[in-house]
C-alpha atoms as a PDB file:
ATOM      1  CA  MET A   1      47.836 -31.633  33.269  1.00  0.00           C
ATOM      2  CA  LYS A   2      46.628 -33.671  30.329  1.00  0.00           C
ATOM      3  CA  VAL A   3      43.216 -33.974  31.978  1.00  0.00           C
ATOM      4  CA  PHE A   4      42.928 -30.188  32.274  1.00  0.00           C
ATOM      5  CA  GLN A   5      44.027 -29.798  28.638  1.00  0.00           C
ATOM      6  CA  LYS A   6      41.345 -32.251  27.528  1.00  0.00           C
ATOM      7  CA  ILE A   7      38.727 -30.393  29.548  1.00  0.00           C
ATOM      8  CA  ALA A   8      39.823 -27.058  28.074  1.00  0.00           C
ATOM      9  CA  ILE A   9      39.739 -28.436  24.540  1.00  0.00           C
ATOM     10  CA  ALA A  10      36.301 -29.961  25.087  1.00  0.00           C
ATOM     11  CA  ALA A  11      35.007 -26.679  26.497  1.00  0.00           C
ATOM     12  CA  ALA A  12      36.386 -24.765  23.513  1.00  0.00           C
ATOM     13  CA  ILE A  13      34.750 -27.181  21.092  1.00  0.00           C
ATOM     14  CA  ALA A  14      31.421 -26.901  22.921  1.00  0.00           C
ATOM     15  CA  ALA A  15      31.604 -23.096  22.930  1.00  0.00           C
ATOM     16  CA  GLY A  16      32.433 -23.073  19.245  1.00  0.00           C
ATOM     17  CA  SER A  17      29.521 -25.367  18.469  1.00  0.00           C
ATOM     18  CA  LEU A  18      27.144 -23.171  20.456  1.00  0.00           C
ATOM     19  CA  ALA A  19      28.370 -20.053  18.668  1.00  0.00           C
ATOM     20  CA  ALA A  20      27.951 -21.732  15.305  1.00  0.00           C
ATOM     21  CA  THR A  21      24.424 -22.825  16.226  1.00  0.00           C
ATOM     22  CA  GLN A  22      23.497 -19.297  17.326  1.00  0.00           C
ATOM     23  CA  ALA A  23      25.014 -17.782  14.185  1.00  0.00           C
ATOM     24  CA  SER A  24      23.045 -20.134  11.975  1.00  0.00           C
ATOM     25  CA  ALA A  25      19.798 -19.893  13.997  1.00  0.00           C
ATOM     26  CA  GLN A  26      16.991 -19.063  11.636  1.00  0.00           C
ATOM     27  CA  THR A  27      13.610 -17.457  12.175  1.00  0.00           C
ATOM     28  CA  THR A  28      10.900 -18.143   9.610  1.00  0.00           C
ATOM     29  CA  LEU A  29       7.999 -15.697   9.673  1.00  0.00           C
ATOM     30  CA  THR A  30       4.709 -16.180   7.873  1.00  0.00           C
ATOM     31  CA  MET A  31       3.476 -13.549   5.441  1.00  0.00           C
ATOM     32  CA  SER A  32       0.139 -13.169   3.673  1.00  0.00           C
ATOM     33  CA  SER A  33      -1.378 -11.143   0.864  1.00  0.00           C
ATOM     34  CA  TRP A  34      -5.042 -10.759  -0.035  1.00  0.00           C
ATOM     35  CA  VAL A  35      -4.334 -10.138  -3.721  1.00  0.00           C
ATOM     36  CA  PRO A  36      -3.260 -12.998  -6.047  1.00  0.00           C
ATOM     37  CA  PRO A  37       0.301 -14.408  -5.955  1.00  0.00           C
ATOM     38  CA  THR A  38       0.959 -12.905  -9.392  1.00  0.00           C
ATOM     39  CA  HIS A  39      -0.222  -9.432  -8.384  1.00  0.00           C
ATOM     40  CA  HIS A  40       2.459  -6.764  -8.243  1.00  0.00           C
ATOM     41  CA  LEU A  41       1.960  -6.145  -4.526  1.00  0.00           C
ATOM     42  CA  THR A  42       2.573  -9.805  -3.686  1.00  0.00           C
ATOM     43  CA  ALA A  43       5.153 -10.816  -6.277  1.00  0.00           C
ATOM     44  CA  VAL A  44       7.281  -7.664  -6.337  1.00  0.00           C
ATOM     45  CA  VAL A  45       6.735  -5.515  -3.243  1.00  0.00           C
ATOM     46  CA  LEU A  46       6.293  -8.166  -0.532  1.00  0.00           C
ATOM     47  CA  ARG A  47       8.666 -10.752  -1.962  1.00  0.00           C
ATOM     48  CA  GLY A  48      11.174  -8.064  -2.895  1.00  0.00           C
ATOM     49  CA  TRP A  49      11.196  -6.745   0.661  1.00  0.00           C
ATOM     50  CA  ALA A  50      11.439 -10.283   2.053  1.00  0.00           C
ATOM     51  CA  ASP A  51      14.521 -10.906  -0.095  1.00  0.00           C
ATOM     52  CA  GLN A  52      16.059  -7.660   1.167  1.00  0.00           C
ATOM     53  CA  VAL A  53      15.422  -8.685   4.785  1.00  0.00           C
ATOM     54  CA  GLU A  54      16.956 -12.108   4.224  1.00  0.00           C
ATOM     55  CA  LYS A  55      20.057 -10.470   2.756  1.00  0.00           C
ATOM     56  CA  ALA A  56      20.258  -7.814   5.481  1.00  0.00           C
ATOM     57  CA  THR A  57      20.027 -10.464   8.226  1.00  0.00           C
ATOM     58  CA  GLN A  58      22.466 -12.777   6.419  1.00  0.00           C
ATOM     59  CA  GLY A  59      19.770 -15.420   6.150  1.00  0.00           C
ATOM     60  CA  ARG A  60      18.755 -15.403   9.805  1.00  0.00           C
ATOM     61  CA  VAL A  61      15.231 -14.172   9.002  1.00  0.00           C
ATOM     62  CA  LYS A  62      13.200 -15.735   6.214  1.00  0.00           C
ATOM     63  CA  PHE A  63       9.549 -15.593   5.166  1.00  0.00           C
ATOM     64  CA  GLN A  64       6.964 -18.150   4.164  1.00  0.00           C
ATOM     65  CA  MET A  65       4.086 -16.814   2.057  1.00  0.00           C
ATOM     66  CA  LEU A  66       0.826 -18.424   3.128  1.00  0.00           C
ATOM     67  CA  PRO A  67      -1.164 -19.966   0.254  1.00  0.00           C
ATOM     68  CA  LYS A  68      -4.258 -18.094   1.430  1.00  0.00           C
ATOM     69  CA  ALA A  69      -4.778 -14.979   3.528  1.00  0.00           C
ATOM     70  CA  PRO A  70      -6.136 -15.917   6.978  1.00  0.00           C
ATOM     71  CA  ALA A  71      -8.737 -13.145   6.889  1.00  0.00           C
ATOM     72  CA  ALA A  72     -10.672 -10.961   4.474  1.00  0.00           C
ATOM     73  CA  PRO A  73      -8.783  -7.727   3.588  1.00  0.00           C
ATOM     74  CA  PRO A  74     -10.471  -5.534   6.258  1.00  0.00           C
ATOM     75  CA  GLY A  75      -9.597  -8.108   8.929  1.00  0.00           C
ATOM     76  CA  THR A  76      -5.881  -8.215   8.132  1.00  0.00           C
ATOM     77  CA  PHE A  77      -4.844  -5.841  10.921  1.00  0.00           C
ATOM     78  CA  ASP A  78      -6.538  -8.027  13.514  1.00  0.00           C
ATOM     79  CA  ALA A  79      -5.100 -11.187  11.935  1.00  0.00           C
ATOM     80  CA  VAL A  80      -1.544  -9.881  12.363  1.00  0.00           C
ATOM     81  CA  ARG A  81      -2.208  -8.461  15.826  1.00  0.00           C
ATOM     82  CA  ASP A  82      -3.698 -11.769  16.983  1.00  0.00           C
ATOM     83  CA  GLY A  83      -0.913 -13.888  15.479  1.00  0.00           C
ATOM     84  CA  LEU A  84      -2.809 -15.615  12.664  1.00  0.00           C
ATOM     85  CA  VAL A  85      -0.026 -14.399  10.365  1.00  0.00           C
ATOM     86  CA  ASP A  86       3.229 -12.657  11.221  1.00  0.00           C
ATOM     87  CA  VAL A  87       3.517 -10.031   8.472  1.00  0.00           C
ATOM     88  CA  SER A  88       0.945  -8.431   6.162  1.00  0.00           C
ATOM     89  CA  TYR A  89      -0.607  -5.111   5.150  1.00  0.00           C
ATOM     90  CA  VAL A  90      -3.909  -3.273   5.019  1.00  0.00           C
ATOM     91  CA  THR A  91      -5.294  -0.420   2.965  1.00  0.00           C
ATOM     92  CA  ALA A  92      -6.616   2.499   5.000  1.00  0.00           C
ATOM     93  CA  SER A  93      -9.703   2.678   2.776  1.00  0.00           C
ATOM     94  CA  TYR A  94     -10.644  -0.833   3.971  1.00  0.00           C
ATOM     95  CA  THR A  95     -10.445   0.246   7.620  1.00  0.00           C
ATOM     96  CA  PRO A  96     -11.439   3.953   7.562  1.00  0.00           C
ATOM     97  CA  ALA A  97     -12.818   3.969  11.105  1.00  0.00           C
ATOM     98  CA  ARG A  98      -9.532   2.697  12.533  1.00  0.00           C
ATOM     99  CA  HIS A  99      -7.048   4.376  10.175  1.00  0.00           C
ATOM    100  CA  VAL A 100      -8.238   7.939   9.700  1.00  0.00           C
ATOM    101  CA  LEU A 101      -4.918   9.760   9.380  1.00  0.00           C
ATOM    102  CA  PRO A 102      -3.454   7.658   6.503  1.00  0.00           C
ATOM    103  CA  LEU A 103      -6.430   8.712   4.381  1.00  0.00           C
ATOM    104  CA  LEU A 104      -4.442  11.914   3.780  1.00  0.00           C
ATOM    105  CA  ALA A 105      -2.476  10.039   1.120  1.00  0.00           C
ATOM    106  CA  GLU A 106      -5.720   8.851  -0.507  1.00  0.00           C
ATOM    107  CA  LEU A 107      -7.114  12.330  -1.135  1.00  0.00           C
ATOM    108  CA  PRO A 108      -7.367  13.445  -4.789  1.00  0.00           C
ATOM    109  CA  GLY A 109      -4.822  15.652  -6.499  1.00  0.00           C
ATOM    110  CA  ALA A 110      -1.624  14.310  -4.936  1.00  0.00           C
ATOM    111  CA  GLY A 111       1.666  13.622  -6.740  1.00  0.00           C
ATOM    112  CA  ALA A 112       2.255  12.392 -10.267  1.00  0.00           C
ATOM    113  CA  THR A 113       3.767   9.019  -9.311  1.00  0.00           C
ATOM    114  CA  ALA A 114       3.603   6.321  -6.672  1.00  0.00           C
ATOM    115  CA  GLU A 115       7.198   7.029  -5.669  1.00  0.00           C
ATOM    116  CA  ILE A 116       6.478  10.703  -5.018  1.00  0.00           C
ATOM    117  CA  ASN A 117       3.316   9.937  -3.080  1.00  0.00           C
ATOM    118  CA  SER A 118       4.851   7.075  -1.073  1.00  0.00           C
ATOM    119  CA  VAL A 119       7.959   8.928   0.063  1.00  0.00           C
ATOM    120  CA  ALA A 120       6.060  12.117   0.938  1.00  0.00           C
ATOM    121  CA  PHE A 121       3.428  10.101   2.813  1.00  0.00           C
ATOM    122  CA  SER A 122       6.116   8.168   4.681  1.00  0.00           C
ATOM    123  CA  ARG A 123       7.790  11.367   5.870  1.00  0.00           C
ATOM    124  CA  ILE A 124       4.495  12.849   7.060  1.00  0.00           C
ATOM    125  CA  HIS A 125       3.396   9.633   8.748  1.00  0.00           C
ATOM    126  CA  TRP A 126       6.490   9.123  10.874  1.00  0.00           C
ATOM    127  CA  LYS A 127       6.588  12.802  11.813  1.00  0.00           C
ATOM    128  CA  TYR A 128       2.937  13.387  12.687  1.00  0.00           C
ATOM    129  CA  PHE A 129       0.807  10.236  12.560  1.00  0.00           C
ATOM    130  CA  GLN A 130       2.859   7.491  14.216  1.00  0.00           C
ATOM    131  CA  PRO A 131       2.707   9.127  17.691  1.00  0.00           C
ATOM    132  CA  ILE A 132      -1.121   9.115  17.527  1.00  0.00           C
ATOM    133  CA  GLY A 133      -1.095   5.317  17.572  1.00  0.00           C
ATOM    134  CA  GLU A 134      -3.549   4.223  14.906  1.00  0.00           C
ATOM    135  CA  TYR A 135      -1.329   1.166  14.301  1.00  0.00           C
ATOM    136  CA  LYS A 136      -1.082   0.354  17.996  1.00  0.00           C
ATOM    137  CA  GLY A 137      -1.076  -3.408  18.540  1.00  0.00           C
ATOM    138  CA  VAL A 138       1.266  -4.236  15.668  1.00  0.00           C
ATOM    139  CA  LYS A 139       4.817  -3.265  14.742  1.00  0.00           C
ATOM    140  CA  LEU A 140       4.412  -0.864  11.825  1.00  0.00           C
ATOM    141  CA  LEU A 141       7.283  -1.276   9.357  1.00  0.00           C
ATOM    142  CA  ALA A 142       6.354   1.114   6.546  1.00  0.00           C
ATOM    143  CA  VAL A 143       3.623   3.051   4.779  1.00  0.00           C
ATOM    144  CA  PHE A 144       3.345   3.619   1.038  1.00  0.00           C
ATOM    145  CA  THR A 145       0.809   4.144  -1.751  1.00  0.00           C
ATOM    146  CA  HIS A 146       0.069   2.763  -5.178  1.00  0.00           C
ATOM    147  CA  GLY A 147       0.097   5.003  -8.242  1.00  0.00           C
ATOM    148  CA  PRO A 148      -2.462   7.743  -8.890  1.00  0.00           C
ATOM    149  CA  GLY A 149      -5.916   6.176  -9.070  1.00  0.00           C
ATOM    150  CA  GLN A 150      -7.859   6.870 -12.241  1.00  0.00           C
ATOM    151  CA  MET A 151     -11.325   6.132 -13.606  1.00  0.00           C
ATOM    152  CA  PHE A 152     -11.753   3.172 -15.958  1.00  0.00           C
ATOM    153  CA  THR A 153     -15.114   2.708 -17.660  1.00  0.00           C
ATOM    154  CA  LYS A 154     -16.751   0.644 -20.358  1.00  0.00           C
ATOM    155  CA  LYS A 155     -18.130   3.656 -22.184  1.00  0.00           C
ATOM    156  CA  PRO A 156     -16.472   6.967 -23.122  1.00  0.00           C
ATOM    157  CA  ILE A 157     -16.479   9.774 -20.565  1.00  0.00           C
ATOM    158  CA  ASN A 158     -16.500  13.255 -22.090  1.00  0.00           C
ATOM    159  CA  SER A 159     -17.790  15.197 -19.093  1.00  0.00           C
ATOM    160  CA  LEU A 160     -18.943  14.535 -15.554  1.00  0.00           C
ATOM    161  CA  ALA A 161     -22.476  14.329 -16.905  1.00  0.00           C
ATOM    162  CA  ASP A 162     -21.420  10.963 -18.401  1.00  0.00           C
ATOM    163  CA  VAL A 163     -20.429   9.726 -14.940  1.00  0.00           C
ATOM    164  CA  LYS A 164     -23.835  10.354 -13.381  1.00  0.00           C
ATOM    165  CA  GLY A 165     -25.441   7.097 -12.256  1.00  0.00           C
ATOM    166  CA  LEU A 166     -22.587   4.833 -13.335  1.00  0.00           C
ATOM    167  CA  LYS A 167     -22.025   1.814 -11.087  1.00  0.00           C
ATOM    168  CA  ILE A 168     -18.397   2.248 -10.027  1.00  0.00           C
ATOM    169  CA  ARG A 169     -16.518  -0.346  -7.993  1.00  0.00           C
ATOM    170  CA  THR A 170     -14.145   1.188  -5.449  1.00  0.00           C
ATOM    171  CA  GLY A 171     -12.184  -0.021  -2.449  1.00  0.00           C
ATOM    172  CA  GLY A 172     -14.172   2.286  -0.176  1.00  0.00           C
ATOM    173  CA  GLY A 173     -12.903   5.236   1.832  1.00  0.00           C
ATOM    174  CA  ILE A 174     -11.809   8.245  -0.180  1.00  0.00           C
ATOM    175  CA  ALA A 175     -12.275   6.556  -3.569  1.00  0.00           C
ATOM    176  CA  GLU A 176     -15.900   5.790  -2.764  1.00  0.00           C
ATOM    177  CA  ALA A 177     -16.497   9.325  -1.509  1.00  0.00           C
ATOM    178  CA  VAL A 178     -14.967  10.862  -4.651  1.00  0.00           C
ATOM    179  CA  ALA A 179     -16.968   8.611  -6.973  1.00  0.00           C
ATOM    180  CA  ASN A 180     -20.204   9.542  -5.216  1.00  0.00           C
ATOM    181  CA  ALA A 181     -19.266  13.246  -5.296  1.00  0.00           C
ATOM    182  CA  LEU A 182     -18.943  12.966  -9.075  1.00  0.00           C
ATOM    183  CA  GLY A 183     -22.487  11.615  -9.344  1.00  0.00           C
ATOM    184  CA  ALA A 184     -21.643   7.931  -9.713  1.00  0.00           C
ATOM    185  CA  SER A 185     -23.355   5.140  -7.826  1.00  0.00           C
ATOM    186  CA  ALA A 186     -20.273   3.841  -6.007  1.00  0.00           C
ATOM    187  CA  PHE A 187     -20.086   0.507  -4.225  1.00  0.00           C
ATOM    188  CA  VAL A 188     -17.356  -1.379  -2.382  1.00  0.00           C
ATOM    189  CA  LYS A 189     -15.997  -4.763  -3.415  1.00  0.00           C
ATOM    190  CA  PRO A 190     -12.576  -6.408  -3.026  1.00  0.00           C
ATOM    191  CA  ALA A 191     -10.158  -5.621  -5.855  1.00  0.00           C
ATOM    192  CA  PRO A 192      -9.748  -9.258  -7.026  1.00  0.00           C
ATOM    193  CA  GLU A 193     -13.470  -9.381  -7.922  1.00  0.00           C
ATOM    194  CA  SER A 194     -13.197  -6.503 -10.401  1.00  0.00           C
ATOM    195  CA  TYR A 195     -12.959  -8.544 -13.613  1.00  0.00           C
ATOM    196  CA  GLU A 196     -16.117 -10.494 -12.797  1.00  0.00           C
ATOM    197  CA  LEU A 197     -17.946  -7.312 -11.799  1.00  0.00           C
ATOM    198  CA  MET A 198     -17.051  -5.606 -15.074  1.00  0.00           C
ATOM    199  CA  SER A 199     -17.543  -8.608 -17.352  1.00  0.00           C
ATOM    200  CA  THR A 200     -21.000  -9.424 -15.949  1.00  0.00           C
ATOM    201  CA  GLY A 201     -22.223  -5.835 -16.008  1.00  0.00           C
ATOM    202  CA  VAL A 202     -22.503  -5.470 -12.242  1.00  0.00           C
ATOM    203  CA  ALA A 203     -20.039  -2.581 -12.558  1.00  0.00           C
ATOM    204  CA  ASP A 204     -19.842   0.058 -15.293  1.00  0.00           C
ATOM    205  CA  GLY A 205     -16.398   1.094 -14.172  1.00  0.00           C
ATOM    206  CA  VAL A 206     -13.679   0.896 -11.552  1.00  0.00           C
ATOM    207  CA  PHE A 207     -11.300   3.225  -9.747  1.00  0.00           C
ATOM    208  CA  PHE A 208      -7.759   1.845  -9.911  1.00  0.00           C
ATOM    209  CA  PRO A 209      -4.134   2.703 -10.703  1.00  0.00           C
ATOM    210  CA  PHE A 210      -3.020   1.658 -14.209  1.00  0.00           C
ATOM    211  CA  GLU A 211      -1.156  -1.311 -12.735  1.00  0.00           C
ATOM    212  CA  SER A 212      -4.453  -3.034 -11.977  1.00  0.00           C
ATOM    213  CA  ILE A 213      -5.355  -3.287 -15.653  1.00  0.00           C
ATOM    214  CA  ALA A 214      -2.673  -5.947 -16.044  1.00  0.00           C
ATOM    215  CA  SER A 215      -2.829  -7.429 -12.522  1.00  0.00           C
ATOM    216  CA  PHE A 216      -6.587  -8.077 -12.645  1.00  0.00           C
ATOM    217  CA  LYS A 217      -6.746  -8.678 -16.424  1.00  0.00           C
ATOM    218  CA  LEU A 218      -9.136  -5.786 -17.031  1.00  0.00           C
ATOM    219  CA  ASP A 219      -7.761  -4.813 -20.450  1.00  0.00           C
ATOM    220  CA  THR A 220     -10.576  -6.610 -22.286  1.00  0.00           C
ATOM    221  CA  VAL A 221     -13.421  -5.139 -20.209  1.00  0.00           C
ATOM    222  CA  VAL A 222     -12.312  -1.486 -20.036  1.00  0.00           C
ATOM    223  CA  GLY A 223     -13.085   0.870 -22.896  1.00  0.00           C
ATOM    224  CA  GLN A 224     -11.587   4.107 -21.606  1.00  0.00           C
ATOM    225  CA  ALA A 225      -9.254   5.433 -18.964  1.00  0.00           C
ATOM    226  CA  THR A 226      -9.952   9.013 -17.911  1.00  0.00           C
ATOM    227  CA  VAL A 227      -6.784  10.476 -16.435  1.00  0.00           C
ATOM    228  CA  PHE A 228      -6.825  13.268 -13.852  1.00  0.00           C
ATOM    229  CA  PRO A 229      -3.724  15.199 -12.686  1.00  0.00           C
ATOM    230  CA  GLY A 230      -2.429  13.626  -9.477  1.00  0.00           C
ATOM    231  CA  GLY A 231      -5.170  11.011  -9.619  1.00  0.00           C
ATOM    232  CA  MET A 232      -8.711  10.953  -8.288  1.00  0.00           C
ATOM    233  CA  TYR A 233      -7.514   9.042  -5.227  1.00  0.00           C
ATOM    234  CA  SER A 234      -4.773   6.693  -4.074  1.00  0.00           C
ATOM    235  CA  SER A 235      -4.553   3.817  -1.616  1.00  0.00           C
ATOM    236  CA  ALA A 236      -2.505   4.189   1.556  1.00  0.00           C
ATOM    237  CA  PHE A 237      -0.943   0.932   2.733  1.00  0.00           C
ATOM    238  CA  GLY A 238       0.266   0.134   6.226  1.00  0.00           C
ATOM    239  CA  PHE A 239       2.765  -2.757   6.321  1.00  0.00           C
ATOM    240  CA  PHE A 240       3.286  -4.377   9.712  1.00  0.00           C
ATOM    241  CA  MET A 241       4.440  -7.304  11.829  1.00  0.00           C
ATOM    242  CA  ASN A 242       3.062  -9.102  14.852  1.00  0.00           C
ATOM    243  CA  GLU A 243       4.520  -7.343  17.909  1.00  0.00           C
ATOM    244  CA  ASP A 244       5.392 -10.502  19.827  1.00  0.00           C
ATOM    245  CA  LYS A 245       7.327 -11.890  16.857  1.00  0.00           C
ATOM    246  CA  TRP A 246       9.138  -8.561  16.475  1.00  0.00           C
ATOM    247  CA  ASN A 247      10.067  -8.471  20.157  1.00  0.00           C
ATOM    248  CA  LYS A 248      11.511 -11.991  19.974  1.00  0.00           C
ATOM    249  CA  LEU A 249      13.954 -11.003  17.235  1.00  0.00           C
ATOM    250  CA  SER A 250      17.478 -10.026  18.229  1.00  0.00           C
ATOM    251  CA  LYS A 251      18.371  -6.342  18.281  1.00  0.00           C
ATOM    252  CA  GLN A 252      20.746  -7.063  15.395  1.00  0.00           C
ATOM    253  CA  ASP A 253      17.947  -8.470  13.241  1.00  0.00           C
ATOM    254  CA  GLN A 254      15.508  -5.736  14.250  1.00  0.00           C
ATOM    255  CA  ASP A 255      18.033  -3.134  13.119  1.00  0.00           C
ATOM    256  CA  ALA A 256      18.608  -5.008   9.866  1.00  0.00           C
ATOM    257  CA  ILE A 257      14.864  -5.143   9.132  1.00  0.00           C
ATOM    258  CA  THR A 258      14.482  -1.475  10.008  1.00  0.00           C
ATOM    259  CA  SER A 259      17.229  -0.605   7.515  1.00  0.00           C
ATOM    260  CA  VAL A 260      15.129  -1.921   4.615  1.00  0.00           C
ATOM    261  CA  SER A 261      11.781  -0.639   5.912  1.00  0.00           C
ATOM    262  CA  GLY A 262      10.483   2.894   6.551  1.00  0.00           C
ATOM    263  CA  GLU A 263      11.275   5.360   3.764  1.00  0.00           C
ATOM    264  CA  HIS A 264      13.495   2.795   2.045  1.00  0.00           C
ATOM    265  CA  LEU A 265      10.513   0.491   1.530  1.00  0.00           C
ATOM    266  CA  ALA A 266       8.238   3.418   0.643  1.00  0.00           C
ATOM    267  CA  ARG A 267      10.588   4.382  -2.196  1.00  0.00           C
ATOM    268  CA  PHE A 268      11.108   0.769  -3.293  1.00  0.00           C
ATOM    269  CA  ALA A 269       7.359   0.100  -3.361  1.00  0.00           C
ATOM    270  CA  GLY A 270       6.643   3.391  -5.136  1.00  0.00           C
ATOM    271  CA  LYS A 271       9.254   2.864  -7.857  1.00  0.00           C
ATOM    272  CA  SER A 272       8.118  -0.678  -8.509  1.00  0.00           C
ATOM    273  CA  TRP A 273       4.482   0.419  -8.673  1.00  0.00           C
ATOM    274  CA  ASP A 274       5.342   3.104 -11.202  1.00  0.00           C
ATOM    275  CA  ALA A 275       6.975   0.446 -13.362  1.00  0.00           C
ATOM    276  CA  ALA A 276       3.847  -1.693 -13.036  1.00  0.00           C
ATOM    277  CA  ASP A 277       1.669   1.275 -14.062  1.00  0.00           C
ATOM    278  CA  VAL A 278       3.620   1.492 -17.326  1.00  0.00           C
ATOM    279  CA  ILE A 279       2.864  -2.181 -17.995  1.00  0.00           C
ATOM    280  CA  GLY A 280      -0.841  -1.697 -17.239  1.00  0.00           C
ATOM    281  CA  LEU A 281      -1.064   1.330 -19.523  1.00  0.00           C
ATOM    282  CA  ALA A 282       0.574  -0.614 -22.349  1.00  0.00           C
ATOM    283  CA  ALA A 283      -1.829  -3.537 -21.834  1.00  0.00           C
ATOM    284  CA  LEU A 284      -4.863  -1.251 -22.084  1.00  0.00           C
ATOM    285  CA  LYS A 285      -3.610   0.420 -25.249  1.00  0.00           C
ATOM    286  CA  LYS A 286      -2.754  -2.934 -26.831  1.00  0.00           C
ATOM    287  CA  ALA A 287      -6.308  -4.138 -26.171  1.00  0.00           C
ATOM    288  CA  GLY A 288      -7.701  -1.063 -27.924  1.00  0.00           C
ATOM    289  CA  GLY A 289      -8.701   0.908 -24.857  1.00  0.00           C
ATOM    290  CA  LYS A 290      -8.626   4.689 -25.066  1.00  0.00           C
ATOM    291  CA  VAL A 291      -6.604   6.830 -22.684  1.00  0.00           C
ATOM    292  CA  VAL A 292      -8.088  10.314 -22.380  1.00  0.00           C
ATOM    293  CA  ASN A 293      -6.726  13.167 -20.296  1.00  0.00           C
ATOM    294  CA  ALA A 294      -9.445  15.025 -18.432  1.00  0.00           C
ATOM    295  CA  THR A 295     -10.073  18.473 -19.823  1.00  0.00           C
ATOM    296  CA  PRO A 296      -9.061  21.433 -17.630  1.00  0.00           C
ATOM    297  CA  ALA A 297     -12.759  22.144 -17.085  1.00  0.00           C
ATOM    298  CA  MET A 298     -13.431  18.573 -15.967  1.00  0.00           C
ATOM    299  CA  ALA A 299     -10.359  18.524 -13.722  1.00  0.00           C
ATOM    300  CA  LYS A 300     -11.481  21.769 -12.118  1.00  0.00           C
ATOM    301  CA  GLU A 301     -14.973  20.407 -11.505  1.00  0.00           C
ATOM    302  CA  VAL A 302     -13.543  17.266  -9.910  1.00  0.00           C
ATOM    303  CA  SER A 303     -11.401  19.456  -7.651  1.00  0.00           C
ATOM    304  CA  GLU A 304     -14.399  21.547  -6.637  1.00  0.00           C
ATOM    305  CA  ARG A 305     -16.583  18.533  -5.900  1.00  0.00           C
ATOM    306  CA  SER A 306     -13.757  16.895  -3.934  1.00  0.00           C
ATOM    307  CA  ALA A 307     -13.098  19.933  -1.738  1.00  0.00           C
ATOM    308  CA  PRO A 308     -15.623  18.912   0.961  1.00  0.00           C
ATOM    309  CA  ILE A 309     -13.941  15.481   1.193  1.00  0.00           C
ATOM    310  CA  ILE A 310     -10.604  17.154   1.880  1.00  0.00           C
ATOM    311  CA  GLN A 311     -12.167  19.447   4.458  1.00  0.00           C
ATOM    312  CA  ASP A 312     -13.808  16.461   6.124  1.00  0.00           C
ATOM    313  CA  TRP A 313     -10.411  14.738   6.468  1.00  0.00           C
ATOM    314  CA  ILE A 314      -8.891  17.926   7.917  1.00  0.00           C
ATOM    315  CA  LYS A 315     -11.685  18.092  10.503  1.00  0.00           C
ATOM    316  CA  LYS A 316     -11.313  14.418  11.477  1.00  0.00           C
ATOM    317  CA  ALA A 317      -7.518  14.631  11.619  1.00  0.00           C
ATOM    318  CA  THR A 318      -7.712  17.667  13.879  1.00  0.00           C
ATOM    319  CA  ALA A 319     -10.074  15.770  16.172  1.00  0.00           C
ATOM    320  CA  LYS A 320      -7.460  12.999  16.379  1.00  0.00           C
ATOM    321  CA  GLY A 321      -4.875  15.429  17.714  1.00  0.00           C
ATOM    322  CA  VAL A 322      -2.976  16.751  14.687  1.00  0.00           C
ATOM    323  CA  ASP A 323      -3.335  20.095  12.923  1.00  0.00           C
ATOM    324  CA  GLY A 324      -5.160  18.787   9.857  1.00  0.00           C
ATOM    325  CA  ALA A 325      -4.841  21.933   7.719  1.00  0.00           C
ATOM    326  CA  LYS A 326      -1.141  22.309   8.514  1.00  0.00           C
ATOM    327  CA  VAL A 327      -0.347  18.651   7.820  1.00  0.00           C
ATOM    328  CA  TYR A 328      -2.335  18.656   4.565  1.00  0.00           C
ATOM    329  CA  ALA A 329      -0.374  21.712   3.365  1.00  0.00           C
ATOM    330  CA  GLU A 330       2.943  20.213   4.480  1.00  0.00           C
ATOM    331  CA  PHE A 331       2.153  16.968   2.661  1.00  0.00           C
ATOM    332  CA  HIS A 332       1.743  18.889  -0.586  1.00  0.00           C
ATOM    333  CA  GLU A 333       4.994  20.744   0.048  1.00  0.00           C
ATOM    334  CA  GLU A 334       6.671  17.394   0.650  1.00  0.00           C
ATOM    335  CA  LEU A 335       5.239  16.104  -2.646  1.00  0.00           C
ATOM    336  CA  LYS A 336       6.980  18.994  -4.422  1.00  0.00           C
ATOM    337  CA  LYS A 337      10.272  18.282  -2.626  1.00  0.00           C
ATOM    338  CA  VAL A 338      10.264  14.603  -3.530  1.00  0.00           C
ATOM    339  CA  ALA A 339       9.349  15.401  -7.132  1.00  0.00           C
ATOM    340  CA  ALA A 340      12.372  17.739  -7.205  1.00  0.00           C
ATOM    341  CA  GLY A 341      14.635  14.978  -5.962  1.00  0.00           C
ATOM    342  CA  LYS A 342      14.913  16.174  -2.354  1.00  0.00           C
END
């Protein structure tokens, strides 16, 4: 009898040890960012989300930020798909041939804040775009945008005639198309190179949200910000994980990660970006930069010149299998709803 009791006790201890080991089992995923560690996107959005995941999974899932991105920004999607890094993001404007539908959120004249744009974009994406499969090959976790993109130049801009011929750095995609439509000589370079481009005279201006003034230390090389209602463009981010790593997570941890992704992350990223825009605006003003609201006449002219870009997106979206005109209109209705707190 004593032998059986000893066996039972030993079995119970072993089972308890196994359960404890499983409960404390930890998965560490790598994460990368192609902007500096101090940039808002890295320090606040990515790390903030990582902290939320760690809390939601009770410490079972953690993240290690790589000291250097394993690929140039346009190659990030492939880097995650191929397992060079587990979690990262890409801007649709860097991969416009692959990510056509997200460019909806980059079109000019959207919402007044990053939160409005991000939440509205998230709702449209999961309803219409996700089934099309432009993020096939990775586990998409969320989509969001930065704040309204504006025009920052060395010299004053009083009309679009002053924009003609200016060398404007953009991230490509919609921003590049808008800059060219306004008569600028737009070119594409990675965002982290912007200070050098401006300080050496390679660029006469940049298209960015206000946040970038502080993040890329542009306050001393920008003379004027010209502000357009809803922005001249935005950047649509896709945030995703390697599919194999996702599939190896427990259902419990997948559900926990999902709970802090999707629209939750879109709102979190948007709110934090709006706060960063306030800091960037203050930095520009402190450095003596002027902030000028575009005149109604200038805003109207920008809208007219941008119209073909919007129509081009509608045509391409329709070719991808969605009703481009309907989705564009619904996106703008969703912007109004989010702005009204719905």
